[in-house]
Amino acid sequence: MTLDSLNCYRALTARDARFDGVFFVAVSTTGIYCRPICTARTPRRDRCSFYRTPAEAERAGFRACFRCRPELAPGTTPLESIPRLVAEASRHIDEGFLNRASVDELARGLGVTGRHLRRAMEARLGVTPIELAQTRRLALAKQLLQDSDAGLAQIAFASGFGSVRRFNALFRQRFGRAPSSLRRDHAAHVDPGEPGTLALRLGYRPPLDWETMLAFLAGRAIPGVELVADGTYRRTVTLGDATGTLAVRNDPTRGALWVSVSPSLAGSLMAIVARSRSLFDLDASPTTIAEVLGADLRLRPLIERRPGLRVPGAFDPFEAACRAILGQQVTVRAATTLAGRLVARFGTPVPGSTDPSGPTLSLLFPAPARLAGARVDEIASLGIVGARARALVALARSVTDGSLVLDRHAPLDDTLRALEALPGIGSWTAHYLAMRALRWPDAFPAADIAVRKALGGVTAREAEKLSEAWRPWRSYAVLHLWTSLGDG
């Protein structure tokens, strides 16, 4: 993406929220870089330079603004033309891969040399993998200092630093002050989150239809694994050897979600942030999507009725895929019941993970290897139709042996073909997973009965033809159509 300084400056002077996270502005007289929505006085144009990422601005010698907090800016949409290699590498870095491994190891996993990866990332992002990782670590540390009451040692560890001394030195170098100084200045503004947890604030571009998002997730919440109550989404989590729970609630006054995470998951915070942003579709641009979909007279009333409707994603793509198979040709409630039985039989207990206000969160969804080793008749004995039991085992084996990669940066067409090659998985399931697990904004299950009903009883071919006008945001059109059936 090439930045046009005139257009960027116009967006800056208008404080246009549509550009929040799309670019960052650095001011030569202060040495600070900001989001385009910063409330500070607008600098003169000749003092401004514009960057695509915080890492690029920091490489140029600028420090993050403490007022608008660039680390809270939402990301860009999946349609941005980032080469797949850079996108995959960035995702791994976002989830903390370089906290435990080297750039060469990351490159090998992506099928290239370390030198090639460094060149590709510098050409596209303007920074090296190490520089990007350092920016991510320091941004997370800064966020925890301002939004939680965690101790400095815990923050250093949670942010991916190997020692408190290294953390202190790099933080002072980057921000011009010690971490303890920032903590003193912002102690009164810390959100307490839930007792005994680490609190994180995840920004988004308003509006966000939180109620509809929660209703969608509540209907599909897997007993023992997920719970929606009192405006909050909760679930159990396993990442590597760490297990625990997280709770997510909306703070519309700040345009952010608060995520409360078990201390046991402190070393996996970077991955939790990335997965939570995906689950709640926080990097969407609702205004841009509404402009495209609202041009269709069929969809315009739906867009106006529910501004900020997002496509619910998946914290765990494999879990979402299993849930989609269980949902074939049965009601949402029946599929939820079957998912609860599957977890009760094959899931792993999480000692002490309970919610005192209601049902227990005590189980982890079974790992692919666990279901891959299960017998079809074992799964079928839970009341699951034999064809779907076979589909679950085939899915788990394909994920376990690596022949199927459920990742939004994997080649979409290859992933869809691999899914549809599995027994019991057709076009509907594949496109549903493209919407949610693969985060593809233009997926469209044309044969979906609810979609066709919402469009007036059209055929699948007619639905496909109508949907052409909604590209590249057809996944959002599907959510609006599904939701409209419950509005009558």
Protein backbone atom coordinates (compact mmCIF):
# COMPACT_ATOMS: atom_id res chain seq x y z
CA MET A 1 0.00 0.00 0.00
CA THR A 2 1.40 3.41 -1.03
CA LEU A 3 0.52 6.29 1.26
CA ASP A 4 -0.51 9.58 -0.32
CA SER A 5 0.57 12.33 2.08
CA LEU A 6 -2.15 14.77 0.96
CA ASN A 7 -4.97 12.26 1.45
CA CYS A 8 -3.49 11.11 4.74
CA TYR A 9 -3.33 14.69 5.98
CA ARG A 10 -6.94 15.28 4.95
CA ALA A 11 -8.00 12.19 6.91
CA LEU A 12 -5.92 13.40 9.85
CA THR A 13 -7.50 16.87 9.93
CA ALA A 14 -10.95 15.26 9.78
CA ARG A 15 -9.99 12.71 12.46
CA ASP A 16 -11.70 10.17 10.20
CA ALA A 17 -12.13 6.93 12.16
CA ARG A 18 -12.24 4.92 8.93
CA PHE A 19 -8.48 5.40 8.67
CA ASP A 20 -7.70 4.35 12.24
CA GLY A 21 -5.09 1.61 11.95
CA VAL A 22 -4.66 2.17 8.20
CA PHE A 23 -1.83 4.66 8.71
CA PHE A 24 0.01 6.48 11.51
CA VAL A 25 1.23 10.06 11.56
CA ALA A 26 4.60 11.12 12.99
CA VAL A 27 5.37 14.71 13.97
CA SER A 28 8.93 15.93 13.48
CA THR A 29 8.79 18.62 16.19
CA THR A 30 7.71 16.25 18.96
CA GLY A 31 9.26 12.94 17.87
CA ILE A 32 5.88 11.28 18.52
CA TYR A 33 3.67 9.18 16.23
CA CYS A 34 -0.13 8.97 16.61
CA ARG A 35 -3.29 7.43 15.24
CA PRO A 36 -5.21 9.65 12.79
CA ILE A 37 -7.98 10.00 15.41
CA CYS A 38 -5.69 11.47 18.09
CA THR A 39 -7.29 14.38 19.94
CA ALA A 40 -4.04 16.34 20.13
CA ARG A 41 -3.86 19.59 18.16
CA THR A 42 -3.39 18.89 14.46
CA PRO A 43 0.21 19.65 13.43
CA ARG A 44 1.15 21.54 10.29
CA ARG A 45 1.40 19.40 7.21
CA ASP A 46 5.11 20.09 6.70
CA ARG A 47 5.80 18.57 10.12
CA CYS A 48 3.98 15.32 9.35
CA SER A 49 5.22 12.07 7.90
CA PHE A 50 3.02 9.02 7.43
CA TYR A 51 3.72 5.35 8.05
CA ARG A 52 1.83 2.12 7.42
CA THR A 53 2.68 0.48 10.72
CA PRO A 54 3.87 1.42 14.21
CA ALA A 55 7.03 -0.62 13.60
CA GLU A 56 7.87 1.50 10.56
CA ALA A 57 7.37 4.74 12.52
CA GLU A 58 9.52 3.45 15.37
CA ARG A 59 12.26 2.42 12.98
CA ALA A 60 12.32 6.04 11.82
CA GLY A 61 12.96 7.11 15.42
CA PHE A 62 9.49 8.15 16.61
CA ARG A 63 7.87 7.17 19.93
CA ALA A 64 4.25 6.11 20.46
CA CYS A 65 1.77 8.70 21.71
CA PHE A 66 0.59 8.13 25.28
CA ARG A 67 -2.73 9.89 24.57
CA CYS A 68 -4.15 8.03 21.54
CA ARG A 69 -2.16 4.83 22.23
CA PRO A 70 -1.29 3.40 18.78
CA GLU A 71 -1.12 -0.12 20.24
CA LEU A 72 -4.92 -0.04 20.52
CA ALA A 73 -5.55 0.75 16.85
CA PRO A 74 -7.50 -1.92 14.93
CA GLY A 75 -5.67 -3.73 12.16
CA THR A 76 -6.33 -3.65 8.47
CA THR A 77 -8.73 -5.95 6.65
CA PRO A 78 -7.75 -9.32 5.12
CA LEU A 79 -8.25 -7.84 1.63
CA GLU A 80 -5.16 -5.64 1.87
CA SER A 81 -2.74 -6.78 -0.80
CA ILE A 82 -0.05 -8.20 1.46
CA PRO A 83 1.96 -11.06 -0.08
CA ARG A 84 0.98 -14.34 1.52
CA LEU A 85 4.49 -14.96 2.85
CA VAL A 86 4.54 -11.62 4.68
CA ALA A 87 0.99 -12.13 5.96
CA GLU A 88 1.80 -15.58 7.34
CA ALA A 89 5.03 -14.41 8.93
CA SER A 90 3.29 -11.41 10.50
CA ARG A 91 0.58 -13.64 11.97
CA HIS A 92 3.17 -15.93 13.56
CA ILE A 93 5.00 -12.91 14.95
CA ASP A 94 1.72 -11.46 16.25
CA GLU A 95 1.12 -14.72 18.12
CA GLY A 96 4.59 -14.64 19.70
CA PHE A 97 6.55 -17.11 17.56
CA LEU A 98 9.79 -15.11 17.83
CA ASN A 99 9.47 -15.05 21.61
CA ARG A 100 10.56 -18.68 21.62
CA ALA A 101 12.29 -19.27 18.26
CA SER A 102 14.52 -17.58 15.67
CA VAL A 103 13.80 -15.85 12.38
CA ASP A 104 15.49 -18.72 10.53
CA GLU A 105 13.16 -21.22 12.22
CA LEU A 106 10.16 -19.08 11.26
CA ALA A 107 11.41 -18.90 7.68
CA ARG A 108 11.96 -22.67 7.47
CA GLY A 109 8.39 -23.27 8.59
CA LEU A 110 7.21 -21.01 5.77
CA GLY A 111 9.37 -22.75 3.17
CA VAL A 112 11.91 -19.96 2.55
CA THR A 113 15.31 -18.87 3.79
CA GLY A 114 15.74 -16.37 6.59
CA ARG A 115 17.36 -13.94 4.16
CA HIS A 116 14.40 -14.12 1.77
CA LEU A 117 11.92 -13.56 4.61
CA ARG A 118 13.83 -10.52 5.87
CA ARG A 119 13.90 -9.03 2.37
CA ALA A 120 10.20 -9.67 1.79
CA MET A 121 9.14 -8.09 5.08
CA GLU A 122 11.37 -5.06 4.65
CA ALA A 123 10.08 -4.53 1.10
CA ARG A 124 6.42 -4.74 2.17
CA LEU A 125 6.35 -3.50 5.77
CA GLY A 126 9.52 -1.44 5.94
CA VAL A 127 10.84 -3.40 8.94
CA THR A 128 12.63 -6.67 9.66
CA PRO A 129 10.94 -9.59 11.45
CA ILE A 130 12.90 -8.79 14.62
CA GLU A 131 11.88 -5.13 14.52
CA LEU A 132 8.23 -6.10 14.06
CA ALA A 133 8.44 -8.56 16.97
CA GLN A 134 10.07 -5.95 19.19
CA THR A 135 7.33 -3.45 18.40
CA ARG A 136 4.66 -6.04 19.23
CA ARG A 137 6.32 -6.92 22.55
CA LEU A 138 6.75 -3.33 23.64
CA ALA A 139 3.22 -2.42 22.57
CA LEU A 140 1.79 -5.27 24.64
CA ALA A 141 3.95 -4.28 27.62
CA LYS A 142 2.82 -0.66 27.34
CA GLN A 143 -0.79 -1.79 27.18
CA LEU A 144 -0.46 -3.98 30.27
CA LEU A 145 1.22 -1.14 32.17
CA GLN A 146 -1.66 1.19 31.37
CA ASP A 147 -4.59 -1.25 31.52
CA SER A 148 -3.71 -3.79 34.24
CA ASP A 149 -2.29 -3.90 37.73
CA ALA A 150 0.16 -6.73 36.94
CA GLY A 151 3.68 -6.49 38.37
CA LEU A 152 6.62 -5.47 36.18
CA ALA A 153 8.14 -8.96 36.19
CA GLN A 154 4.84 -10.52 35.12
CA ILE A 155 4.43 -7.91 32.37
CA ALA A 156 7.95 -8.54 31.09
CA PHE A 157 7.30 -12.29 30.88
CA ALA A 158 3.80 -11.91 29.37
CA SER A 159 5.18 -9.58 26.69
CA GLY A 160 7.82 -12.06 25.56
CA PHE A 161 10.94 -10.67 27.23
CA GLY A 162 13.45 -13.08 28.71
CA SER A 163 14.44 -10.82 31.59
CA VAL A 164 13.17 -7.78 33.47
CA ARG A 165 16.51 -6.02 32.90
CA ARG A 166 16.20 -6.40 29.12
CA PHE A 167 12.59 -5.26 29.28
CA ASN A 168 13.45 -2.14 31.30
CA ALA A 169 16.32 -1.20 28.98
CA LEU A 170 14.34 -1.58 25.74
CA PHE A 171 11.27 0.15 27.16
CA ARG A 172 13.31 3.16 28.27
CA GLN A 173 15.09 3.26 24.91
CA ARG A 174 11.81 3.15 22.94
CA PHE A 175 9.58 5.39 25.09
CA GLY A 176 12.08 7.62 26.82
CA ARG A 177 10.95 6.66 30.31
CA ALA A 178 11.03 3.70 32.68
CA PRO A 179 8.10 1.25 32.84
CA SER A 180 7.59 2.07 36.53
CA SER A 181 7.15 5.76 35.61
CA LEU A 182 4.36 4.95 33.16
CA ARG A 183 2.70 2.70 35.73
CA ARG A 184 2.65 5.51 38.34
CA ASP A 185 1.11 7.96 35.88
CA HIS A 186 -1.68 5.60 34.84
CA ALA A 187 -2.37 3.61 38.01
CA ALA A 188 -5.64 5.47 38.65
CA HIS A 189 -6.94 4.55 35.18
CA VAL A 190 -6.40 0.80 35.36
CA ASP A 191 -9.51 -1.25 34.62
CA PRO A 192 -9.78 -3.90 37.33
CA GLY A 193 -11.11 -6.54 34.93
CA GLU A 194 -12.19 -9.70 36.70
CA PRO A 195 -10.54 -10.50 40.06
CA GLY A 196 -7.20 -12.26 39.76
CA THR A 197 -6.87 -11.80 35.99
CA LEU A 198 -4.78 -9.85 33.51
CA ALA A 199 -6.85 -7.20 31.69
CA LEU A 200 -6.29 -6.17 28.07
CA ARG A 201 -8.10 -3.57 25.98
CA LEU A 202 -8.68 -4.40 22.29
CA GLY A 203 -9.74 -1.47 20.12
CA TYR A 204 -12.17 -1.59 17.19
CA ARG A 205 -13.74 0.77 14.66
CA PRO A 206 -17.25 1.68 15.87
CA PRO A 207 -20.00 0.80 15.55
CA LEU A 208 -19.99 -2.76 16.90
CA ASP A 209 -23.24 -4.71 17.24
CA TRP A 210 -22.15 -6.49 20.42
CA GLU A 211 -25.62 -7.77 21.32
CA THR A 212 -26.04 -9.62 18.01
CA MET A 213 -22.51 -11.00 18.24
CA LEU A 214 -23.18 -12.37 21.74
CA ALA A 215 -26.54 -13.81 20.71
CA PHE A 216 -24.90 -15.68 17.84
CA LEU A 217 -22.15 -17.07 20.09
CA ALA A 218 -24.57 -17.85 22.93
CA GLY A 219 -26.70 -20.09 20.72
CA ARG A 220 -23.63 -22.04 19.70
CA ALA A 221 -21.73 -22.04 23.01
CA ILE A 222 -20.30 -25.50 23.74
CA PRO A 223 -21.27 -26.64 27.28
CA GLY A 224 -18.23 -26.80 29.53
CA VAL A 225 -16.08 -24.85 27.05
CA GLU A 226 -17.99 -21.61 26.41
CA LEU A 227 -20.49 -19.48 28.32
CA VAL A 228 -22.33 -16.27 27.51
CA ALA A 229 -24.00 -14.45 30.40
CA ASP A 230 -24.48 -10.88 31.64
CA GLY A 231 -23.11 -9.33 28.47
CA THR A 232 -19.85 -11.29 28.73
CA TYR A 233 -18.34 -14.13 26.67
CA ARG A 234 -16.25 -16.67 28.58
CA ARG A 235 -14.34 -19.76 27.50
CA THR A 236 -11.60 -22.22 28.43
CA VAL A 237 -8.30 -21.93 26.59
CA THR A 238 -5.31 -24.16 25.91
CA LEU A 239 -2.21 -22.81 24.17
CA GLY A 240 0.86 -24.97 24.23
CA ASP A 241 1.21 -26.31 27.76
CA ALA A 242 -0.81 -23.48 29.33
CA THR A 243 -4.50 -23.69 30.15
CA GLY A 244 -6.96 -21.28 31.71
CA THR A 245 -9.96 -19.11 30.92
CA LEU A 246 -10.73 -15.75 29.41
CA ALA A 247 -13.70 -13.39 29.67
CA VAL A 248 -14.60 -10.68 27.15
CA ARG A 249 -16.96 -7.73 27.57
CA ASN A 250 -17.65 -4.61 25.54
CA ASP A 251 -16.78 -1.05 26.57
CA PRO A 252 -18.56 1.09 23.94
CA THR A 253 -17.52 4.34 25.59
CA ARG A 254 -13.91 3.53 24.70
CA GLY A 255 -14.58 1.66 21.46
CA ALA A 256 -12.88 -1.43 22.84
CA LEU A 257 -13.36 -4.89 24.29
CA TRP A 258 -11.88 -5.79 27.68
CA VAL A 259 -10.32 -9.25 27.79
CA SER A 260 -9.64 -10.73 31.24
CA VAL A 261 -7.15 -13.61 31.08
CA SER A 262 -6.10 -16.19 33.68
CA PRO A 263 -2.55 -15.57 34.99
CA SER A 264 -1.72 -19.12 33.90
CA LEU A 265 -2.00 -17.91 30.30
CA ALA A 266 0.32 -14.91 30.77
CA GLY A 267 2.98 -16.37 28.47
CA SER A 268 0.44 -16.72 25.65
CA LEU A 269 -1.04 -13.21 25.70
CA MET A 270 0.14 -12.33 22.20
CA ALA A 271 -1.66 -15.35 20.77
CA ILE A 272 -4.75 -14.61 22.85
CA VAL A 273 -4.88 -11.05 21.53
CA ALA A 274 -4.61 -12.24 17.91
CA ARG A 275 -7.24 -14.95 18.35
CA SER A 276 -9.63 -12.66 20.22
CA ARG A 277 -9.41 -10.04 17.49
CA SER A 278 -10.27 -12.77 14.98
CA LEU A 279 -13.12 -14.19 17.06
CA PHE A 280 -14.86 -10.83 17.39
CA ASP A 281 -13.89 -9.50 13.94
CA LEU A 282 -12.32 -6.40 15.48
CA ASP A 283 -10.34 -5.38 12.41
CA ALA A 284 -13.41 -4.93 10.20
CA SER A 285 -14.24 -1.52 8.70
CA PRO A 286 -18.02 -1.28 9.22
CA THR A 287 -18.42 2.00 7.33
CA THR A 288 -16.67 0.65 4.24
CA ILE A 289 -18.70 -2.57 4.33
CA ALA A 290 -21.98 -0.67 4.79
CA GLU A 291 -21.25 1.55 1.79
CA VAL A 292 -20.94 -1.48 -0.49
CA LEU A 293 -23.81 -3.58 0.88
CA GLY A 294 -26.11 -0.59 1.40
CA ALA A 295 -26.07 0.13 -2.32
CA ASP A 296 -28.35 -2.92 -2.74
CA LEU A 297 -31.98 -2.03 -2.02
CA ARG A 298 -32.56 -5.53 -0.60
CA LEU A 299 -29.82 -5.12 1.98
CA ARG A 300 -30.04 -1.41 2.79
CA PRO A 301 -32.81 -1.76 5.44
CA LEU A 302 -30.86 -4.58 7.10
CA ILE A 303 -27.67 -2.50 7.20
CA GLU A 304 -29.55 0.46 8.68
CA ARG A 305 -31.21 -1.78 11.28
CA ARG A 306 -27.95 -3.34 12.48
CA PRO A 307 -24.97 -1.06 11.89
CA GLY A 308 -21.69 -2.59 12.95
CA LEU A 309 -22.77 -6.22 12.48
CA ARG A 310 -19.64 -8.38 12.41
CA VAL A 311 -18.93 -11.92 11.26
CA PRO A 312 -18.20 -14.04 14.37
CA GLY A 313 -14.90 -15.82 13.91
CA ALA A 314 -13.32 -18.70 15.76
CA PHE A 315 -10.89 -18.79 18.66
CA ASP A 316 -9.90 -22.29 17.55
CA PRO A 317 -10.46 -23.13 13.83
CA PHE A 318 -10.51 -26.89 14.47
CA GLU A 319 -13.15 -26.47 17.16
CA ALA A 320 -15.24 -24.38 14.74
CA ALA A 321 -14.88 -27.02 12.03
CA CYS A 322 -16.11 -29.78 14.34
CA ARG A 323 -18.99 -27.59 15.45
CA ALA A 324 -19.94 -26.94 11.80
CA ILE A 325 -20.03 -30.68 11.04
CA LEU A 326 -22.25 -31.31 14.05
CA GLY A 327 -24.56 -28.54 12.81
CA GLN A 328 -25.30 -30.18 9.48
CA GLN A 329 -29.03 -30.77 8.92
CA VAL A 330 -29.98 -30.22 12.57
CA THR A 331 -31.07 -27.22 14.61
CA VAL A 332 -28.56 -24.96 16.35
CA ARG A 333 -29.78 -26.21 19.71
CA ALA A 334 -29.40 -29.87 18.73
CA ALA A 335 -25.88 -29.24 17.43
CA THR A 336 -24.95 -27.53 20.69
CA THR A 337 -26.19 -30.54 22.65
CA LEU A 338 -24.11 -32.90 20.49
CA ALA A 339 -21.04 -30.70 20.87
CA GLY A 340 -21.48 -30.85 24.65
CA ARG A 341 -21.57 -34.65 24.55
CA LEU A 342 -18.46 -34.77 22.36
CA VAL A 343 -16.52 -32.56 24.76
CA ALA A 344 -17.75 -34.44 27.83
CA ARG A 345 -16.50 -37.70 26.30
CA PHE A 346 -13.24 -36.61 24.66
CA GLY A 347 -12.38 -33.24 26.21
CA THR A 348 -9.75 -32.56 28.87
CA PRO A 349 -10.75 -31.31 32.34
CA VAL A 350 -9.45 -27.92 33.48
CA PRO A 351 -9.21 -28.07 37.30
CA GLY A 352 -10.50 -25.01 39.07
CA SER A 353 -11.87 -23.30 35.95
CA THR A 354 -15.33 -22.36 37.16
CA ASP A 355 -17.62 -19.41 36.92
CA PRO A 356 -19.20 -18.71 40.32
CA SER A 357 -22.23 -17.00 38.77
CA GLY A 358 -23.46 -19.95 36.75
CA PRO A 359 -22.53 -23.09 34.81
CA THR A 360 -19.05 -24.53 35.06
CA LEU A 361 -16.28 -23.84 32.56
CA SER A 362 -14.27 -26.97 33.15
CA LEU A 363 -13.40 -28.62 29.83
CA LEU A 364 -11.02 -28.05 26.95
CA PHE A 365 -12.21 -28.93 23.46
CA PRO A 366 -10.54 -32.16 22.33
CA ALA A 367 -7.33 -31.70 20.35
CA PRO A 368 -7.23 -32.99 16.75
CA ALA A 369 -4.98 -35.89 17.76
CA ARG A 370 -7.51 -36.99 20.40
CA LEU A 371 -10.37 -37.24 17.91
CA ALA A 372 -8.10 -38.66 15.21
CA GLY A 373 -7.48 -41.64 17.47
CA ALA A 374 -11.15 -42.16 18.32
CA ARG A 375 -13.27 -44.90 16.77
CA VAL A 376 -16.22 -43.86 14.64
CA ASP A 377 -18.56 -46.03 16.71
CA GLU A 378 -17.38 -44.30 19.92
CA ILE A 379 -18.42 -40.94 18.49
CA ALA A 380 -21.63 -42.31 17.00
CA SER A 381 -22.62 -43.72 20.41
CA LEU A 382 -23.11 -40.12 21.57
CA GLY A 383 -26.13 -39.79 19.29
CA ILE A 384 -24.12 -38.38 16.40
CA VAL A 385 -25.15 -39.71 12.97
CA GLY A 386 -22.61 -42.15 11.57
CA ALA A 387 -21.78 -40.01 8.52
CA ARG A 388 -20.94 -37.06 10.72
CA ALA A 389 -18.94 -39.23 13.12
CA ARG A 390 -16.84 -40.37 10.15
CA ALA A 391 -16.48 -36.77 9.00
CA LEU A 392 -15.19 -35.71 12.44
CA VAL A 393 -12.56 -38.45 12.47
CA ALA A 394 -11.50 -37.69 8.88
CA LEU A 395 -11.23 -33.98 9.69
CA ALA A 396 -9.15 -34.64 12.81
CA ARG A 397 -6.79 -36.99 10.97
CA SER A 398 -6.29 -34.50 8.13
CA VAL A 399 -5.46 -31.69 10.55
CA THR A 400 -3.17 -33.96 12.57
CA ASP A 401 -1.17 -35.18 9.56
CA GLY A 402 -0.98 -31.70 8.05
CA SER A 403 -2.87 -32.43 4.83
CA LEU A 404 -5.46 -29.82 5.89
CA VAL A 405 -4.35 -26.45 7.25
CA LEU A 406 -7.14 -24.42 8.84
CA ASP A 407 -5.46 -21.04 8.69
CA ARG A 408 -6.70 -17.79 7.19
CA HIS A 409 -3.35 -17.18 5.49
CA ALA A 410 -3.28 -20.58 3.79
CA PRO A 411 -4.33 -20.56 0.10
CA LEU A 412 -8.13 -20.33 0.28
CA ASP A 413 -8.95 -22.39 -2.81
CA ASP A 414 -6.60 -25.17 -1.73
CA THR A 415 -8.17 -25.21 1.74
CA LEU A 416 -11.71 -25.34 0.34
CA ARG A 417 -10.77 -28.20 -1.98
CA ALA A 418 -9.14 -30.11 0.88
CA LEU A 419 -12.23 -29.63 3.03
CA GLU A 420 -14.66 -30.75 0.32
CA ALA A 421 -12.50 -33.80 -0.38
CA LEU A 422 -13.25 -35.08 3.13
CA PRO A 423 -16.24 -37.40 3.60
CA GLY A 424 -19.34 -35.60 4.83
CA ILE A 425 -18.12 -32.07 4.07
CA GLY A 426 -19.76 -30.27 1.17
CA SER A 427 -19.81 -26.77 -0.22
CA TRP A 428 -22.05 -25.35 2.55
CA THR A 429 -19.75 -26.48 5.37
CA ALA A 430 -16.64 -25.36 3.49
CA HIS A 431 -18.00 -21.86 2.87
CA TYR A 432 -19.32 -21.58 6.41
CA LEU A 433 -15.81 -22.36 7.67
CA ALA A 434 -14.35 -19.90 5.17
CA MET A 435 -16.53 -17.23 6.79
CA ARG A 436 -15.69 -18.04 10.38
CA ALA A 437 -12.54 -20.17 10.79
CA LEU A 438 -10.65 -18.84 7.74
CA ARG A 439 -11.92 -15.24 8.15
CA TRP A 440 -12.65 -14.86 4.41
CA PRO A 441 -14.90 -11.77 4.01
CA ASP A 442 -16.27 -12.84 0.63
CA ALA A 443 -17.50 -16.37 1.38
CA PHE A 444 -21.03 -17.16 0.24
CA PRO A 445 -22.88 -20.46 0.90
CA ALA A 446 -25.34 -19.96 -1.95
CA ALA A 447 -27.30 -23.15 -1.19
CA ASP A 448 -27.98 -22.12 2.43
CA ILE A 449 -31.72 -22.44 3.06
CA ALA A 450 -31.87 -19.47 5.42
CA VAL A 451 -30.06 -17.20 2.95
CA ARG A 452 -32.42 -18.19 0.15
CA LYS A 453 -35.45 -17.71 2.40
CA ALA A 454 -34.30 -14.24 3.45
CA LEU A 455 -33.93 -13.35 -0.22
CA GLY A 456 -37.56 -14.30 -0.91
CA GLY A 457 -37.25 -18.01 -1.65
CA VAL A 458 -34.79 -17.81 -4.54
CA THR A 459 -32.79 -20.73 -5.88
CA ALA A 460 -29.13 -21.24 -5.08
CA ARG A 461 -28.19 -20.08 -8.57
CA GLU A 462 -30.30 -16.94 -8.20
CA ALA A 463 -28.76 -16.25 -4.78
CA GLU A 464 -25.27 -16.58 -6.26
CA LYS A 465 -26.15 -14.13 -9.03
CA LEU A 466 -27.60 -11.58 -6.58
CA SER A 467 -24.53 -11.84 -4.38
CA GLU A 468 -22.15 -10.63 -7.09
CA ALA A 469 -23.08 -7.04 -6.26
CA TRP A 470 -22.00 -7.58 -2.64
CA ARG A 471 -18.37 -8.49 -3.34
CA PRO A 472 -15.97 -8.42 -1.58
CA TRP A 473 -18.13 -8.42 1.59
CA ARG A 474 -20.54 -11.30 0.97
CA SER A 475 -19.83 -12.93 4.35
CA TYR A 476 -21.30 -9.82 6.02
CA ALA A 477 -24.32 -9.96 3.72
CA VAL A 478 -24.90 -13.55 4.86
CA LEU A 479 -24.89 -12.49 8.52
CA HIS A 480 -27.36 -9.70 7.80
CA LEU A 481 -29.65 -12.12 5.94
CA TRP A 482 -29.49 -14.73 8.70
CA THR A 483 -30.14 -12.14 11.38
CA SER A 484 -33.08 -10.63 9.48
CA LEU A 485 -35.04 -13.88 9.83
CA GLY A 486 -35.17 -13.37 13.59
CA ASP A 487 -36.29 -9.76 13.36
CA GLY A 488 -39.82 -10.48 12.30
